[in-house]
Amino acid sequence: MSTSNTTTVEDVERFDTDELIHFLQTKNFGLKKKEYKIFRRERVNGRQFLHLTREKLLADPYKFPGGPTEDLANLIIELNKQSRFNHKNSLILLSFKAFIFVVTKAIF
């Protein structure tokens, strides 16, 4: 996990179930022990957590209450935005490096 105060999407992707639960407990979303037990029973790790949606959290096997579900869904959305942003920046950097390579070859 990251040593900074900000947990990245890459950190969450590497979480096992217990690390995920600990991370969520720090968020104070109002989840009860029974909701954390569901994550354990379903063996949800960080990568799988990032694929959950509001609809999935409200339905079987989770059946989470509405308030915490909204907080969890918003967290998942925000984390996944990081992933897309980082991926987009990586593609731009690779494209720029390819451009520099082509220009350098043409000049020399």
C-alpha atoms as a PDB file:
ATOM      1  CA  MET A   1       0.000   0.000   0.000  1.00  0.00           C
ATOM      2  CA  SER A   2       1.094   3.547  -0.616  1.00  0.00           C
ATOM      3  CA  THR A   3       2.877   5.269   2.234  1.00  0.00           C
ATOM      4  CA  SER A   4       1.167   8.575   1.488  1.00  0.00           C
ATOM      5  CA  ASN A   5      -2.230   9.578   2.874  1.00  0.00           C
ATOM      6  CA  THR A   6      -3.793   9.025  -0.539  1.00  0.00           C
ATOM      7  CA  THR A   7      -4.587   5.475  -1.576  1.00  0.00           C
ATOM      8  CA  THR A   8      -4.367   5.043  -5.332  1.00  0.00           C
ATOM      9  CA  VAL A   9      -6.353   2.772  -7.588  1.00  0.00           C
ATOM     10  CA  GLU A  10      -3.165   0.736  -8.057  1.00  0.00           C
ATOM     11  CA  ASP A  11      -2.979   0.256  -4.274  1.00  0.00           C
ATOM     12  CA  VAL A  12      -6.592  -0.917  -4.123  1.00  0.00           C
ATOM     13  CA  GLU A  13      -6.091  -3.330  -7.038  1.00  0.00           C
ATOM     14  CA  ARG A  14      -3.448  -5.131  -4.958  1.00  0.00           C
ATOM     15  CA  PHE A  15      -5.546  -5.403  -1.780  1.00  0.00           C
ATOM     16  CA  ASP A  16      -6.553  -8.813  -0.527  1.00  0.00           C
ATOM     17  CA  THR A  17      -9.911  -9.043   1.258  1.00  0.00           C
ATOM     18  CA  ASP A  18      -8.582  -8.077   4.689  1.00  0.00           C
ATOM     19  CA  GLU A  19      -6.635  -5.094   3.326  1.00  0.00           C
ATOM     20  CA  LEU A  20      -9.730  -3.953   1.422  1.00  0.00           C
ATOM     21  CA  ILE A  21     -11.869  -4.171   4.550  1.00  0.00           C
ATOM     22  CA  HIS A  22      -9.303  -2.237   6.585  1.00  0.00           C
ATOM     23  CA  PHE A  23      -9.186   0.449   3.885  1.00  0.00           C
ATOM     24  CA  LEU A  24     -12.992   0.724   3.832  1.00  0.00           C
ATOM     25  CA  GLN A  25     -13.156   0.932   7.627  1.00  0.00           C
ATOM     26  CA  THR A  26     -10.977   4.048   7.497  1.00  0.00           C
ATOM     27  CA  LYS A  27     -13.569   5.707   5.241  1.00  0.00           C
ATOM     28  CA  ASN A  28     -16.356   5.633   7.882  1.00  0.00           C
ATOM     29  CA  PHE A  29     -19.101   4.871   5.356  1.00  0.00           C
ATOM     30  CA  GLY A  30     -21.379   3.439   8.027  1.00  0.00           C
ATOM     31  CA  LEU A  31     -20.867  -0.192   7.086  1.00  0.00           C
ATOM     32  CA  LYS A  32     -21.624  -2.656   9.870  1.00  0.00           C
ATOM     33  CA  LYS A  33     -19.810  -5.873  10.755  1.00  0.00           C
ATOM     34  CA  LYS A  34     -22.336  -7.872   8.718  1.00  0.00           C
ATOM     35  CA  GLU A  35     -21.427  -5.942   5.534  1.00  0.00           C
ATOM     36  CA  TYR A  36     -17.727  -6.582   6.076  1.00  0.00           C
ATOM     37  CA  LYS A  37     -18.542 -10.259   6.671  1.00  0.00           C
ATOM     38  CA  ILE A  38     -20.222 -10.331   3.256  1.00  0.00           C
ATOM     39  CA  PHE A  39     -17.020  -9.061   1.623  1.00  0.00           C
ATOM     40  CA  ARG A  40     -15.150 -11.848   3.452  1.00  0.00           C
ATOM     41  CA  ARG A  41     -17.712 -14.530   2.581  1.00  0.00           C
ATOM     42  CA  GLU A  42     -17.660 -13.506  -1.085  1.00  0.00           C
ATOM     43  CA  ARG A  43     -13.835 -13.213  -0.957  1.00  0.00           C
ATOM     44  CA  VAL A  44     -13.900  -9.778  -2.592  1.00  0.00           C
ATOM     45  CA  ASN A  45     -10.403  -8.437  -3.171  1.00  0.00           C
ATOM     46  CA  GLY A  46      -9.437  -4.952  -4.341  1.00  0.00           C
ATOM     47  CA  ARG A  47      -9.516  -5.746  -8.048  1.00  0.00           C
ATOM     48  CA  GLN A  48     -13.005  -7.236  -7.754  1.00  0.00           C
ATOM     49  CA  PHE A  49     -14.165  -4.350  -5.561  1.00  0.00           C
ATOM     50  CA  LEU A  50     -13.315  -1.904  -8.347  1.00  0.00           C
ATOM     51  CA  HIS A  51     -15.814  -3.721 -10.616  1.00  0.00           C
ATOM     52  CA  LEU A  52     -18.726  -3.409  -8.200  1.00  0.00           C
ATOM     53  CA  THR A  53     -21.551  -1.032  -9.052  1.00  0.00           C
ATOM     54  CA  ARG A  54     -24.322   0.581  -7.038  1.00  0.00           C
ATOM     55  CA  GLU A  55     -26.755  -1.944  -8.498  1.00  0.00           C
ATOM     56  CA  LYS A  56     -24.563  -4.922  -7.553  1.00  0.00           C
ATOM     57  CA  LEU A  57     -24.102  -3.640  -3.997  1.00  0.00           C
ATOM     58  CA  LEU A  58     -27.867  -3.274  -3.529  1.00  0.00           C
ATOM     59  CA  ALA A  59     -28.625  -6.769  -4.887  1.00  0.00           C
ATOM     60  CA  ASP A  60     -27.741 -10.321  -3.848  1.00  0.00           C
ATOM     61  CA  PRO A  61     -25.370 -11.379  -2.410  1.00  0.00           C
ATOM     62  CA  TYR A  62     -24.550  -7.988  -0.880  1.00  0.00           C
ATOM     63  CA  LYS A  63     -27.895  -6.250  -0.189  1.00  0.00           C
ATOM     64  CA  PHE A  64     -26.122  -3.275   1.373  1.00  0.00           C
ATOM     65  CA  PRO A  65     -28.135  -0.334   2.757  1.00  0.00           C
ATOM     66  CA  GLY A  66     -28.616   2.662   0.471  1.00  0.00           C
ATOM     67  CA  GLY A  67     -26.484   5.248   2.296  1.00  0.00           C
ATOM     68  CA  PRO A  68     -23.272   3.236   2.517  1.00  0.00           C
ATOM     69  CA  THR A  69     -23.909   1.931  -0.992  1.00  0.00           C
ATOM     70  CA  GLU A  70     -23.851   5.474  -2.375  1.00  0.00           C
ATOM     71  CA  ASP A  71     -20.558   6.167  -0.602  1.00  0.00           C
ATOM     72  CA  LEU A  72     -19.012   2.911  -1.840  1.00  0.00           C
ATOM     73  CA  ALA A  73     -20.228   3.464  -5.414  1.00  0.00           C
ATOM     74  CA  ASN A  74     -18.828   7.006  -5.438  1.00  0.00           C
ATOM     75  CA  LEU A  75     -15.485   5.764  -4.078  1.00  0.00           C
ATOM     76  CA  ILE A  76     -15.311   3.090  -6.778  1.00  0.00           C
ATOM     77  CA  ILE A  77     -16.112   5.656  -9.481  1.00  0.00           C
ATOM     78  CA  GLU A  78     -13.440   8.054  -8.207  1.00  0.00           C
ATOM     79  CA  LEU A  79     -10.821   5.297  -7.986  1.00  0.00           C
ATOM     80  CA  ASN A  80     -11.628   4.073 -11.486  1.00  0.00           C
ATOM     81  CA  LYS A  81     -11.299   7.632 -12.827  1.00  0.00           C
ATOM     82  CA  GLN A  82      -7.711   7.603 -11.552  1.00  0.00           C
ATOM     83  CA  SER A  83      -7.056   4.466 -13.539  1.00  0.00           C
ATOM     84  CA  ARG A  84      -8.401   5.900 -16.780  1.00  0.00           C
ATOM     85  CA  PHE A  85      -6.524   9.169 -16.242  1.00  0.00           C
ATOM     86  CA  ASN A  86      -3.245   7.370 -15.612  1.00  0.00           C
ATOM     87  CA  HIS A  87      -3.795   5.094 -18.611  1.00  0.00           C
ATOM     88  CA  LYS A  88      -4.553   8.078 -20.846  1.00  0.00           C
ATOM     89  CA  ASN A  89      -1.398   9.860 -19.665  1.00  0.00           C
ATOM     90  CA  SER A  90       0.661   6.728 -20.329  1.00  0.00           C
ATOM     91  CA  LEU A  91      -0.642   6.575 -23.888  1.00  0.00           C
ATOM     92  CA  ILE A  92       0.169  10.247 -24.446  1.00  0.00           C
ATOM     93  CA  LEU A  93       3.695   9.722 -23.111  1.00  0.00           C
ATOM     94  CA  LEU A  94       4.223   6.670 -25.324  1.00  0.00           C
ATOM     95  CA  SER A  95       2.929   8.576 -28.343  1.00  0.00           C
ATOM     96  CA  PHE A  96       5.264  11.480 -27.568  1.00  0.00           C
ATOM     97  CA  LYS A  97       8.246   9.121 -27.203  1.00  0.00           C
ATOM     98  CA  ALA A  98       7.366   7.483 -30.526  1.00  0.00           C
ATOM     99  CA  PHE A  99       7.136  10.917 -32.161  1.00  0.00           C
ATOM    100  CA  ILE A 100      10.551  11.931 -30.780  1.00  0.00           C
ATOM    101  CA  PHE A 101      12.014   8.652 -32.019  1.00  0.00           C
ATOM    102  CA  VAL A 102      10.680   9.219 -35.564  1.00  0.00           C
ATOM    103  CA  VAL A 103      11.829  12.862 -35.649  1.00  0.00           C
ATOM    104  CA  THR A 104      15.284  11.912 -34.356  1.00  0.00           C
ATOM    105  CA  LYS A 105      15.625   9.203 -37.045  1.00  0.00           C
ATOM    106  CA  ALA A 106      14.569  11.656 -39.752  1.00  0.00           C
ATOM    107  CA  ILE A 107      17.070  14.294 -38.650  1.00  0.00           C
ATOM    108  CA  PHE A 108      20.059  12.036 -38.123  1.00  0.00           C
END
